[in-house]
Structure formats: C-alpha cells, structure tokens
Amino acid sequence: MMKNLPIFFLLVGLGFSQSKVTIQDSEIEINDNEAVVEVLGMVCSMCAFGIGEGFSQTNFIDKSKFSDGVSVDIDAQYVQIGLLDSENVKPEKIVQVIEDAGYDVSLLFILQNEKLTKFSTDKLGILQPIAFNITSDNI
C-alpha cells in the first residue's frame, strides 16, 4: 500500500490539468490552457478557415498548439483553441471572434490555471458561467 501512495498523490496533484468535455456526443480531451467551443452553423472548410483567421488576430492564442493555435471539427461543430498560459482569457473575447466570423456559440469550456469552467448561452444570447471547477463526471 505504501508503494502506491506516491503515485496516488501524483495523480491527485495533477488536478484539472487535463479533462474531457462532451459536445454533440463527441468526447473531447481538453488540456490546461485550452478552450473548447460548440459553434453552431459550421458546414465547410471555409468556415473553419474564417474562424482560424479570426483567432490568428488575437493576442491570447498559443500558436504552438494545434494548427496555429486552433483546431476545428466541422462534423462535431466545435473549435478547440490553445491559450497562452500568461494570459487570463476572458470568455467574451472567444465568443466575439466566433460571432465576428458569423457563427453562434452554444457552449464554451475553458481549462486554465487548472480550473475548468463551463459557459452556456442563455435565452437572450448572453454567455453565462454555469459550472466552476467541474470534473469530467459532471460535464
């Protein structure tokens, strides 16, 4: 039992540096300093290109992740974004980039500083936090 104790504490110490979120029946692995956004209305590669271009003009994208900081899954309708760990990204900035590209955001997950937060758009179209420090069991 004592031999396994250090491994247990190592796993507990990892906290939320990695988790899984679900968007439209797709389970997505999200790591620290990443965001996953459910984007409604993406249907083609030009949609993905437009969203990628929008994020390339921001100052909070970690371009070393994915392809220039952004990964788009058109079939599952989500965008995964690498975030710079030195920046505390405001969810409104992420939503603004998606909306400026002509799309709507339904859900947003941000895992930053080992804190996973889930946001959802309310009936008025305003993004609201609906869960803080959630585990993958709650998503």
Protein backbone atom coordinates (compact mmCIF):
# COMPACT_ATOMS: atom_id res chain seq x y z
CA MET A 1 0.00 0.00 0.00
CA MET A 2 2.78 2.44 0.90
CA LYS A 3 4.41 1.90 -2.51
CA ASN A 4 1.29 3.14 -4.28
CA LEU A 5 0.86 6.20 -2.08
CA PRO A 6 3.28 8.46 -4.04
CA ILE A 7 1.52 7.56 -7.29
CA PHE A 8 -1.85 8.43 -5.72
CA PHE A 9 -0.58 11.86 -4.62
CA LEU A 10 0.95 12.48 -8.03
CA LEU A 11 -2.39 11.80 -9.72
CA VAL A 12 -4.29 13.95 -7.22
CA GLY A 13 -1.75 16.75 -7.68
CA LEU A 14 -2.41 16.86 -11.41
CA GLY A 15 -5.82 18.31 -10.64
CA PHE A 16 -7.59 19.57 -13.73
CA SER A 17 -4.55 19.86 -15.98
CA GLN A 18 -6.45 17.54 -18.33
CA SER A 19 -10.13 16.66 -18.59
CA LYS A 20 -12.78 15.57 -21.07
CA VAL A 21 -15.79 17.54 -22.22
CA THR A 22 -18.72 16.49 -24.36
CA ILE A 23 -20.10 18.44 -27.30
CA GLN A 24 -22.80 16.90 -29.51
CA ASP A 25 -21.95 13.35 -28.38
CA SER A 26 -18.24 13.87 -29.10
CA GLU A 27 -15.88 13.47 -26.17
CA ILE A 28 -13.03 15.96 -26.45
CA GLU A 29 -9.85 15.89 -24.40
CA ILE A 30 -9.05 19.35 -23.11
CA ASN A 31 -5.72 20.27 -21.53
CA ASP A 32 -4.72 23.16 -19.32
CA ASN A 33 -4.67 26.45 -21.24
CA GLU A 34 -7.21 25.31 -23.82
CA ALA A 35 -10.78 26.19 -24.68
CA VAL A 36 -13.41 24.14 -26.49
CA VAL A 37 -16.32 25.96 -28.12
CA GLU A 38 -19.50 24.49 -29.58
CA VAL A 39 -20.04 26.56 -32.73
CA LEU A 40 -23.40 26.32 -34.47
CA GLY A 41 -23.61 26.59 -38.24
CA MET A 42 -20.16 25.50 -39.40
CA VAL A 43 -20.59 23.43 -42.56
CA CYS A 44 -17.45 23.73 -44.67
CA SER A 45 -13.70 24.19 -44.67
CA MET A 46 -14.13 27.91 -45.43
CA CYS A 47 -16.00 28.19 -42.13
CA ALA A 48 -13.00 26.68 -40.37
CA PHE A 49 -10.63 28.97 -42.25
CA GLY A 50 -12.61 32.08 -41.28
CA ILE A 51 -12.64 31.14 -37.62
CA GLY A 52 -8.93 30.32 -37.67
CA GLU A 53 -8.17 33.68 -39.28
CA GLY A 54 -10.21 35.46 -36.62
CA PHE A 55 -8.24 33.84 -33.81
CA SER A 56 -4.91 34.49 -35.53
CA GLN A 57 -5.50 38.21 -34.99
CA THR A 58 -5.88 37.87 -31.20
CA ASN A 59 -3.16 38.12 -28.56
CA PHE A 60 -4.22 35.16 -26.38
CA ILE A 61 -3.73 32.21 -28.77
CA ASP A 62 -0.88 29.73 -28.24
CA LYS A 63 0.10 29.12 -31.86
CA SER A 64 2.33 26.18 -30.87
CA LYS A 65 -0.81 24.09 -30.23
CA PHE A 66 -2.87 22.52 -32.99
CA SER A 67 -2.56 24.29 -36.35
CA ASP A 68 -1.61 27.88 -35.48
CA GLY A 69 -3.44 27.57 -32.15
CA VAL A 70 -6.84 26.44 -33.48
CA SER A 71 -8.39 23.08 -34.34
CA VAL A 72 -11.83 22.96 -35.98
CA ASP A 73 -14.05 19.89 -36.22
CA ILE A 74 -16.80 20.73 -38.70
CA ASP A 75 -18.68 17.44 -38.25
CA ALA A 76 -18.88 17.70 -34.45
CA GLN A 77 -19.37 21.51 -34.61
CA TYR A 78 -16.60 22.54 -32.23
CA VAL A 79 -13.43 24.59 -32.15
CA GLN A 80 -10.53 23.83 -29.82
CA ILE A 81 -8.18 26.70 -29.03
CA GLY A 82 -4.74 26.77 -27.43
CA LEU A 83 -4.46 29.60 -24.92
CA LEU A 84 -1.31 31.34 -23.74
CA ASP A 85 -0.76 30.48 -20.10
CA SER A 86 0.37 34.01 -19.30
CA GLU A 87 -2.99 35.42 -20.27
CA ASN A 88 -6.18 35.09 -18.28
CA VAL A 89 -8.55 34.88 -21.24
CA LYS A 90 -11.99 36.39 -20.98
CA PRO A 91 -14.68 34.14 -22.48
CA GLU A 92 -16.30 37.15 -24.12
CA LYS A 93 -13.20 37.57 -26.33
CA ILE A 94 -13.51 34.00 -27.58
CA VAL A 95 -17.22 34.41 -28.28
CA GLN A 96 -16.60 37.72 -30.07
CA VAL A 97 -14.17 36.09 -32.52
CA ILE A 98 -16.70 33.34 -33.33
CA GLU A 99 -19.57 35.83 -33.72
CA ASP A 100 -17.45 38.15 -35.88
CA ALA A 101 -16.90 35.17 -38.19
CA GLY A 102 -20.70 34.86 -38.45
CA TYR A 103 -21.44 31.93 -36.12
CA ASP A 104 -23.18 31.36 -32.80
CA VAL A 105 -21.68 29.87 -29.65
CA SER A 106 -23.75 27.39 -27.68
CA LEU A 107 -21.23 26.07 -25.12
CA LEU A 108 -17.75 27.10 -24.07
CA PHE A 109 -15.32 25.26 -21.82
CA ILE A 110 -12.12 26.90 -20.60
CA LEU A 111 -9.46 24.97 -18.71
CA GLN A 112 -6.92 27.49 -17.47
CA ASN A 113 -4.77 27.55 -14.35
CA GLU A 114 -6.15 24.06 -13.61
CA LYS A 115 -9.69 25.50 -13.32
CA LEU A 116 -12.34 24.15 -15.68
CA THR A 117 -15.29 26.46 -16.28
CA LYS A 118 -18.34 25.72 -18.42
CA PHE A 119 -20.31 28.55 -20.05
CA SER A 120 -23.64 28.38 -21.86
CA THR A 121 -25.61 30.91 -23.88
CA ASP A 122 -28.88 31.92 -22.21
CA LYS A 123 -32.18 32.72 -23.94
CA LEU A 124 -31.06 36.30 -24.55
CA GLY A 125 -27.87 35.13 -26.24
CA ILE A 126 -25.64 36.11 -23.31
CA LEU A 127 -22.84 33.77 -22.31
CA GLN A 128 -23.18 32.75 -18.65
CA PRO A 129 -20.91 30.59 -16.47
CA ILE A 130 -22.89 27.56 -15.38
CA ALA A 131 -20.25 25.45 -13.61
CA PHE A 132 -16.88 26.09 -11.98
CA ASN A 133 -14.11 23.61 -11.20
CA ILE A 134 -16.19 20.82 -12.67
CA THR A 135 -14.95 17.28 -13.11
CA SER A 136 -15.32 15.24 -16.24
CA ASP A 137 -18.09 13.32 -14.46
CA ASN A 138 -20.21 16.48 -14.33
CA ILE A 139 -19.82 17.56 -17.93
